Amino acid sequence: MEFDWTAVQQDRYLTTLRAVRDAFPTDRPDPHRPFSRQDWSTLARLGLLGSCVSDKYGGQALGALDTARQFEALGEGCADTGLVFAASAHLFACAVPLSEFGSDGLKSRYLPGLCDGSAVAGNAMTEAESGSDVSRLRVTATEVPEGYLLNGEKSFVSNGPAADVFVTYATTDPDSGHLGQTAFVVPADARGVRSGELFDKMGLRSCPAGTVTFTDCLVPADHVLGVPGMGATIFQQSMGWERACLFAGYVGMMARLVDRCVEHARTRRQSGRRLADFQAVSHRIVDMKMRLESARLLLYRACWEMDRGSPARLSVALSKLAASEGALASALDAVRVFGGQGYLAGSGIESAVRNAMPGVLFSGTSEIQKELVAKELGL
């Protein structure tokens, strides 16, 4: 098994990491606000908004593994994890299904703007009574001669209040379960679309989120992704990318926390000794490093399988579980290493806890991932 990176891959990673650190310094203004369009344009300039999209539409045409490395660099270099998440949701939950299942006309119309930063995409899947179960969506799409009329409300729409276009899912045949769901591309300015107020969230605050309501919203038939009834398949395909590559950003965050804790333990003195000389501190940082490398290897394995055309269901679920739970545990450990300083707002440590917490909830909770693993094991 080959663990080394090619010169091209390593250079791409280091170039992105340096560029991200330059573009998003740790002393930038308070990140607890929705991202700016300037931030978005910077991400596009770095190629991150279209990493795995065909170069025909302005992307970099990278595979899953190379895309994950790009987002690992983004998560490591940018302390604003909400911005990292916003870019990930835009690419993996919206641009990817559009790229893989959209018609040539849809791709030509929307993908260039999604890659060059002139447009923001919002993922409108979650509902008040439906998260991980895509077979019970309350939003309906009724076929009419001109296309489909969408009715209902989506919740926790990532990038929703800032979005120019939505990728959404609705029930077209309520009697067919997961085979009765259809995926749509809907412009945010379409008649009958209303974005709700910005949610006041615990973490990932620079990624705006809110509700989106569809009221007799007419969506042309050519704005269906794939074919009617294919929504659940499309969603699960995009979930593979999201559960793997989105959490590369959290792997990057874990690497940043390890580096900060190592530096702090080496330089901070307590009772006349370096913190690093206290075994309780050094062992805690070793645990953080172990979680980081475990999540990183599982992530690379999952993306490697995806690039080989494998469904990679087991590896993706294990990767998401390790990265999300590991990021939360390591963020809590980082607060303990920094002590009172880590508890203070502005340290960049306490925010890691708030930003890591939702990772065990979205893209399928940790419990959902364990159910997927159990199913793959034949339990």
Protein backbone atom coordinates (compact mmCIF):
# COMPACT_ATOMS: atom_id res chain seq x y z
CA MET A 1 0.00 0.00 0.00
CA GLU A 2 1.36 3.41 -1.00
CA PHE A 3 1.11 6.16 1.64
CA ASP A 4 3.17 8.82 -0.11
CA TRP A 5 1.81 11.78 -2.06
CA THR A 6 3.01 12.69 -5.51
CA ALA A 7 4.94 15.93 -5.90
CA VAL A 8 1.93 17.49 -7.64
CA GLN A 9 -0.45 16.49 -4.83
CA GLN A 10 1.87 17.72 -2.08
CA ASP A 11 2.55 20.99 -3.86
CA ARG A 12 -1.19 21.55 -4.38
CA TYR A 13 -1.87 20.95 -0.68
CA LEU A 14 0.92 23.22 0.57
CA THR A 15 0.05 25.96 -1.92
CA THR A 16 -3.60 25.91 -0.80
CA LEU A 17 -2.62 25.86 2.89
CA ARG A 18 -0.34 28.88 2.50
CA ALA A 19 -2.91 30.76 0.43
CA VAL A 20 -5.67 30.07 2.95
CA ARG A 21 -3.53 31.26 5.86
CA ASP A 22 -2.72 34.45 3.98
CA ALA A 23 -6.34 35.06 2.99
CA PHE A 24 -7.93 34.24 6.35
CA PRO A 25 -5.53 35.26 9.13
CA THR A 26 -6.41 34.26 12.68
CA ASP A 27 -6.66 37.91 13.72
CA ARG A 28 -9.35 38.69 11.12
CA PRO A 29 -12.56 40.39 12.33
CA ASP A 30 -15.02 38.44 14.46
CA PRO A 31 -16.05 35.39 12.40
CA HIS A 32 -19.36 35.02 14.24
CA ARG A 33 -21.28 36.60 11.39
CA PRO A 34 -22.44 35.38 7.99
CA PHE A 35 -19.63 35.19 5.46
CA SER A 36 -19.15 38.11 3.09
CA ARG A 37 -19.19 37.92 -0.68
CA GLN A 38 -15.54 38.92 -0.52
CA ASP A 39 -14.85 35.77 1.52
CA TRP A 40 -16.78 33.78 -1.08
CA SER A 41 -14.83 35.27 -3.97
CA THR A 42 -11.59 34.40 -2.18
CA LEU A 43 -12.64 30.77 -1.83
CA ALA A 44 -13.48 30.72 -5.54
CA ARG A 45 -10.13 32.27 -6.46
CA LEU A 46 -8.40 29.47 -4.55
CA GLY A 47 -10.38 26.93 -6.59
CA LEU A 48 -12.18 25.51 -3.57
CA LEU A 49 -15.77 26.10 -4.67
CA GLY A 50 -15.35 23.82 -7.68
CA SER A 51 -12.64 21.38 -6.65
CA CYS A 52 -14.35 18.25 -7.95
CA VAL A 53 -16.41 19.88 -10.71
CA SER A 54 -15.40 19.38 -14.34
CA ASP A 55 -12.99 21.98 -15.70
CA LYS A 56 -15.50 22.42 -18.55
CA TYR A 57 -17.59 24.42 -16.08
CA GLY A 58 -14.77 26.16 -14.24
CA GLY A 59 -13.86 23.49 -11.69
CA GLN A 60 -10.57 21.70 -11.02
CA ALA A 61 -11.83 18.21 -11.97
CA LEU A 62 -10.20 16.64 -8.90
CA GLY A 63 -11.13 13.24 -7.52
CA ALA A 64 -12.47 12.64 -4.02
CA LEU A 65 -9.05 12.12 -2.42
CA ASP A 66 -7.46 15.24 -3.89
CA THR A 67 -10.60 17.24 -3.10
CA ALA A 68 -10.45 16.05 0.51
CA ARG A 69 -6.84 17.19 0.75
CA GLN A 70 -7.86 20.65 -0.49
CA PHE A 71 -10.55 20.93 2.17
CA GLU A 72 -8.20 19.56 4.81
CA ALA A 73 -5.88 22.45 3.94
CA LEU A 74 -8.82 24.87 4.15
CA GLY A 75 -9.83 23.53 7.58
CA GLU A 76 -6.27 23.69 8.86
CA GLY A 77 -5.46 27.13 7.53
CA CYS A 78 -8.78 28.88 8.20
CA ALA A 79 -9.89 29.20 11.83
CA ASP A 80 -13.37 30.22 10.68
CA THR A 81 -14.86 26.73 10.54
CA GLY A 82 -18.26 28.14 9.65
CA LEU A 83 -16.85 29.45 6.39
CA VAL A 84 -15.24 26.07 5.72
CA PHE A 85 -18.61 24.41 6.30
CA ALA A 86 -20.43 26.89 4.06
CA ALA A 87 -18.07 26.13 1.17
CA SER A 88 -18.39 22.39 1.79
CA ALA A 89 -22.19 22.44 1.82
CA HIS A 90 -22.19 24.53 -1.36
CA LEU A 91 -19.90 22.11 -3.21
CA PHE A 92 -20.76 18.65 -1.91
CA ALA A 93 -24.50 18.96 -1.27
CA CYS A 94 -25.33 21.18 -4.26
CA ALA A 95 -22.68 21.46 -6.98
CA VAL A 96 -21.82 17.73 -6.89
CA PRO A 97 -25.38 16.40 -7.46
CA LEU A 98 -25.89 19.06 -10.12
CA SER A 99 -22.63 18.05 -11.78
CA GLU A 100 -23.39 14.34 -11.67
CA PHE A 101 -27.13 14.31 -12.41
CA GLY A 102 -27.97 17.60 -14.11
CA SER A 103 -28.67 17.93 -17.81
CA ASP A 104 -26.12 19.69 -19.98
CA GLY A 105 -28.37 22.74 -19.99
CA LEU A 106 -28.63 22.85 -16.19
CA LYS A 107 -24.91 22.38 -15.75
CA SER A 108 -24.06 25.09 -18.25
CA ARG A 109 -26.51 27.48 -16.62
CA TYR A 110 -25.54 27.04 -12.96
CA LEU A 111 -22.14 25.37 -12.48
CA PRO A 112 -19.90 28.18 -13.81
CA GLY A 113 -21.38 30.61 -11.28
CA LEU A 114 -21.09 28.09 -8.45
CA CYS A 115 -17.41 27.60 -9.28
CA ASP A 116 -16.40 31.22 -9.84
CA GLY A 117 -18.09 32.48 -6.68
CA SER A 118 -20.71 34.65 -8.35
CA ALA A 119 -23.44 32.37 -6.94
CA VAL A 120 -24.07 30.67 -3.59
CA ALA A 121 -25.90 27.35 -3.38
CA GLY A 122 -28.14 26.26 -0.51
CA ASN A 123 -28.90 22.66 0.42
CA ALA A 124 -32.65 22.41 1.11
CA MET A 125 -33.19 18.88 2.37
CA THR A 126 -33.92 18.85 6.11
CA GLU A 127 -37.47 19.32 7.36
CA ALA A 128 -38.91 19.83 10.81
CA GLU A 129 -40.00 16.18 10.95
CA SER A 130 -37.50 14.64 8.58
CA GLY A 131 -33.71 14.69 8.65
CA SER A 132 -31.94 11.49 7.77
CA ASP A 133 -35.07 9.70 6.50
CA VAL A 134 -35.53 10.85 2.90
CA SER A 135 -38.62 8.68 2.40
CA ARG A 136 -40.88 10.89 4.54
CA LEU A 137 -40.54 14.38 3.10
CA ARG A 138 -43.48 16.71 3.71
CA VAL A 139 -42.53 19.11 0.92
CA THR A 140 -44.49 18.02 -2.14
CA ALA A 141 -43.99 18.49 -5.87
CA THR A 142 -47.18 18.17 -7.90
CA GLU A 143 -46.80 17.65 -11.62
CA VAL A 144 -48.51 20.25 -13.83
CA PRO A 145 -48.24 20.86 -17.59
CA GLU A 146 -45.45 23.45 -17.09
CA GLY A 147 -43.42 21.32 -14.66
CA TYR A 148 -43.92 20.91 -10.90
CA LEU A 149 -45.51 22.99 -8.13
CA LEU A 150 -43.49 22.82 -4.91
CA ASN A 151 -45.19 23.37 -1.56
CA GLY A 152 -43.84 23.09 1.98
CA GLU A 153 -41.01 24.25 4.20
CA LYS A 154 -37.40 23.18 4.55
CA SER A 155 -35.43 23.83 7.75
CA PHE A 156 -31.73 24.22 8.59
CA VAL A 157 -30.95 25.16 4.99
CA SER A 158 -27.18 25.71 4.95
CA ASN A 159 -26.39 29.00 3.14
CA GLY A 160 -30.16 29.49 2.83
CA PRO A 161 -30.42 33.23 3.62
CA ALA A 162 -27.52 33.99 1.24
CA ALA A 163 -28.31 31.48 -1.51
CA ASP A 164 -28.87 32.31 -5.17
CA VAL A 165 -30.00 28.77 -6.00
CA PHE A 166 -31.25 25.76 -4.04
CA VAL A 167 -30.91 22.04 -4.54
CA THR A 168 -34.00 20.63 -2.89
CA TYR A 169 -35.90 17.37 -2.60
CA ALA A 170 -39.66 16.80 -2.57
CA THR A 171 -42.21 14.01 -2.62
CA THR A 172 -43.66 13.41 -6.07
CA ASP A 173 -45.29 10.03 -5.28
CA PRO A 174 -46.27 9.61 -1.60
CA ASP A 175 -47.09 5.93 -2.06
CA SER A 176 -43.61 4.93 -3.28
CA GLY A 177 -41.46 5.69 -0.23
CA HIS A 178 -37.87 6.51 -1.15
CA LEU A 179 -38.73 5.88 -4.81
CA GLY A 180 -41.22 8.73 -4.67
CA GLN A 181 -38.70 11.52 -4.02
CA THR A 182 -37.40 13.87 -6.71
CA ALA A 183 -34.49 16.33 -6.71
CA PHE A 184 -34.85 19.85 -8.11
CA VAL A 185 -32.73 22.90 -8.85
CA VAL A 186 -34.65 26.02 -7.82
CA PRO A 187 -33.48 29.64 -8.30
CA ALA A 188 -33.80 31.59 -5.07
CA ASP A 189 -35.62 34.40 -6.87
CA ALA A 190 -38.27 32.09 -8.34
CA ARG A 191 -41.84 33.07 -7.59
CA GLY A 192 -43.13 31.30 -4.49
CA VAL A 193 -39.70 30.93 -2.80
CA ARG A 194 -39.19 32.69 0.53
CA SER A 195 -36.08 32.47 2.72
CA GLY A 196 -36.69 32.83 6.45
CA GLU A 197 -34.77 34.72 9.09
CA LEU A 198 -31.20 33.84 9.93
CA PHE A 199 -30.94 31.18 12.66
CA ASP A 200 -29.03 32.18 15.80
CA LYS A 201 -26.83 29.09 16.18
CA MET A 202 -24.39 27.74 18.74
CA GLY A 203 -21.59 27.30 16.23
CA LEU A 204 -20.70 27.54 12.52
CA ARG A 205 -22.16 31.02 12.80
CA SER A 206 -20.51 32.39 9.67
CA CYS A 207 -22.48 29.83 7.61
CA PRO A 208 -25.96 31.39 7.41
CA ALA A 209 -28.83 28.96 7.89
CA GLY A 210 -32.60 29.30 8.00
CA THR A 211 -35.86 28.03 6.62
CA VAL A 212 -36.96 28.10 2.99
CA THR A 213 -40.66 28.00 2.16
CA PHE A 214 -42.11 26.98 -1.19
CA THR A 215 -45.64 28.19 -1.97
CA ASP A 216 -46.96 27.03 -5.35
CA CYS A 217 -43.43 27.47 -6.66
CA LEU A 218 -43.38 26.47 -10.31
CA VAL A 219 -40.23 24.55 -11.23
CA PRO A 220 -39.79 23.72 -14.93
CA ALA A 221 -39.49 20.04 -15.76
CA ASP A 222 -35.97 20.62 -17.10
CA HIS A 223 -34.88 21.63 -13.57
CA VAL A 224 -35.30 18.05 -12.29
CA LEU A 225 -32.02 16.32 -11.43
CA GLY A 226 -31.82 12.86 -12.95
CA VAL A 227 -35.39 11.66 -13.47
CA PRO A 228 -38.50 11.87 -11.28
CA GLY A 229 -38.29 9.40 -8.41
CA MET A 230 -34.50 9.42 -8.35
CA GLY A 231 -34.18 11.92 -5.50
CA ALA A 232 -33.21 9.45 -2.77
CA THR A 233 -30.46 7.97 -4.95
CA ILE A 234 -29.11 11.42 -5.78
CA PHE A 235 -29.19 12.47 -2.15
CA GLN A 236 -27.32 9.38 -0.98
CA GLN A 237 -24.70 9.88 -3.70
CA SER A 238 -24.09 13.46 -2.57
CA MET A 239 -24.05 12.28 1.06
CA GLY A 240 -21.07 10.08 0.23
CA TRP A 241 -19.14 13.15 -0.88
CA GLU A 242 -20.40 15.22 2.04
CA ARG A 243 -19.71 12.66 4.75
CA ALA A 244 -16.20 12.12 3.44
CA CYS A 245 -14.90 15.36 1.94
CA LEU A 246 -16.80 17.84 4.10
CA PHE A 247 -15.26 16.28 7.20
CA ALA A 248 -11.81 16.74 5.73
CA GLY A 249 -12.31 20.29 6.97
CA TYR A 250 -12.71 18.93 10.48
CA VAL A 251 -9.57 16.84 10.06
CA GLY A 252 -7.80 20.08 9.18
CA MET A 253 -9.27 21.73 12.27
CA MET A 254 -8.00 18.85 14.43
CA ALA A 255 -4.49 19.32 12.97
CA ARG A 256 -4.63 23.03 13.79
CA LEU A 257 -5.68 22.30 17.37
CA VAL A 258 -2.84 19.81 17.84
CA ASP A 259 -0.31 22.36 16.58
CA ARG A 260 -1.68 25.07 18.85
CA CYS A 261 -1.70 22.81 21.89
CA VAL A 262 1.87 21.63 21.24
CA GLU A 263 3.07 25.22 20.94
CA HIS A 264 1.17 26.27 24.08
CA ALA A 265 2.47 23.32 26.12
CA ARG A 266 6.05 24.07 25.07
CA THR A 267 5.94 27.78 25.90
CA ARG A 268 3.47 28.11 28.78
CA ARG A 269 4.98 27.70 32.26
CA GLN A 270 3.12 26.74 35.40
CA SER A 271 4.70 26.30 38.85
CA GLY A 272 8.10 26.87 37.29
CA ARG A 273 7.70 24.08 34.72
CA ARG A 274 6.63 23.89 31.10
CA LEU A 275 3.12 22.53 30.64
CA ALA A 276 4.67 19.89 28.37
CA ASP A 277 6.53 18.50 31.40
CA PHE A 278 3.23 17.56 33.05
CA GLN A 279 2.31 14.06 31.95
CA ALA A 280 -1.42 14.80 32.22
CA VAL A 281 -0.99 17.53 29.60
CA SER A 282 1.36 15.73 27.22
CA HIS A 283 -0.76 12.56 27.25
CA ARG A 284 -3.88 14.56 26.48
CA ILE A 285 -2.17 16.03 23.41
CA VAL A 286 -1.05 12.53 22.38
CA ASP A 287 -4.71 11.47 22.48
CA MET A 288 -5.55 14.41 20.23
CA LYS A 289 -2.83 13.37 17.78
CA MET A 290 -4.07 9.78 17.76
CA ARG A 291 -7.62 10.89 16.95
CA LEU A 292 -6.30 13.11 14.18
CA GLU A 293 -4.26 10.39 12.47
CA SER A 294 -7.03 7.79 12.86
CA ALA A 295 -9.63 10.09 11.29
CA ARG A 296 -7.19 11.14 8.56
CA LEU A 297 -6.42 7.55 7.53
CA LEU A 298 -10.10 6.58 7.52
CA LEU A 299 -10.88 9.68 5.45
CA TYR A 300 -8.20 8.90 2.88
CA ARG A 301 -9.33 5.27 2.69
CA ALA A 302 -12.95 6.30 2.07
CA CYS A 303 -11.99 8.79 -0.65
CA TRP A 304 -9.59 6.29 -2.25
CA GLU A 305 -12.46 3.79 -2.50
CA MET A 306 -14.76 6.45 -3.96
CA ASP A 307 -12.18 7.26 -6.63
CA ARG A 308 -12.02 3.56 -7.54
CA GLY A 309 -15.78 3.54 -8.11
CA SER A 310 -16.66 1.68 -4.92
CA PRO A 311 -19.83 2.61 -3.00
CA ALA A 312 -17.51 2.91 0.03
CA ARG A 313 -20.49 2.87 2.42
CA LEU A 314 -18.62 1.27 5.31
CA SER A 315 -15.51 3.41 4.94
CA VAL A 316 -17.46 6.64 4.52
CA ALA A 317 -19.56 5.99 7.63
CA LEU A 318 -16.48 5.10 9.70
CA SER A 319 -14.66 8.16 8.39
CA LYS A 320 -17.51 10.53 9.23
CA LEU A 321 -17.87 8.99 12.69
CA ALA A 322 -14.15 9.24 13.47
CA ALA A 323 -13.78 12.80 12.18
CA SER A 324 -16.88 14.25 13.82
CA GLU A 325 -16.50 12.56 17.21
CA GLY A 326 -12.73 13.07 17.15
CA ALA A 327 -13.04 16.78 16.40
CA LEU A 328 -15.44 17.29 19.30
CA ALA A 329 -13.31 15.31 21.77
CA SER A 330 -10.14 17.09 20.70
CA ALA A 331 -11.77 20.52 20.91
CA LEU A 332 -12.76 19.77 24.50
CA ASP A 333 -9.23 18.55 25.21
CA ALA A 334 -7.80 21.75 23.73
CA VAL A 335 -9.85 23.83 26.19
CA ARG A 336 -8.42 21.77 29.04
CA VAL A 337 -4.86 22.21 27.77
CA PHE A 338 -5.31 25.98 27.54
CA GLY A 339 -7.21 26.17 30.83
CA GLY A 340 -8.87 29.50 31.59
CA GLN A 341 -7.42 31.05 28.44
CA GLY A 342 -9.12 28.40 26.34
CA TYR A 343 -12.46 29.23 27.96
CA LEU A 344 -12.27 32.89 26.94
CA ALA A 345 -13.97 34.07 23.76
CA GLY A 346 -11.43 35.24 21.23
CA SER A 347 -8.87 32.58 22.08
CA GLY A 348 -9.90 30.54 19.05
CA ILE A 349 -10.16 27.49 21.32
CA GLU A 350 -13.65 27.73 22.81
CA SER A 351 -15.05 28.40 19.32
CA ALA A 352 -13.67 25.02 18.22
CA VAL A 353 -16.00 23.30 20.69
CA ARG A 354 -19.02 25.21 19.36
CA ASN A 355 -18.05 24.51 15.76
CA ALA A 356 -17.30 20.83 16.34
CA MET A 357 -20.56 20.09 18.19
CA PRO A 358 -22.86 20.17 15.12
CA GLY A 359 -20.55 17.76 13.28
CA VAL A 360 -22.00 14.85 15.26
CA LEU A 361 -25.50 15.88 14.14
CA PHE A 362 -25.54 16.93 10.48
CA SER A 363 -24.91 14.65 7.47
CA GLY A 364 -26.43 11.86 9.55
CA THR A 365 -25.93 11.73 13.32
CA SER A 366 -23.28 9.55 14.91
CA GLU A 367 -26.03 7.09 15.75
CA ILE A 368 -27.05 6.93 12.07
CA GLN A 369 -23.42 6.26 11.10
CA LYS A 370 -23.26 3.40 13.61
CA GLU A 371 -26.46 1.96 12.15
CA LEU A 372 -24.92 2.13 8.67
CA VAL A 373 -21.76 0.40 9.90
CA ALA A 374 -23.81 -2.28 11.66
CA LYS A 375 -25.77 -2.90 8.46
CA GLU A 376 -22.56 -3.24 6.43
CA LEU A 377 -21.33 -5.78 9.02
CA GLY A 378 -24.49 -7.81 8.53
CA LEU A 379 -25.85 -7.13 12.00
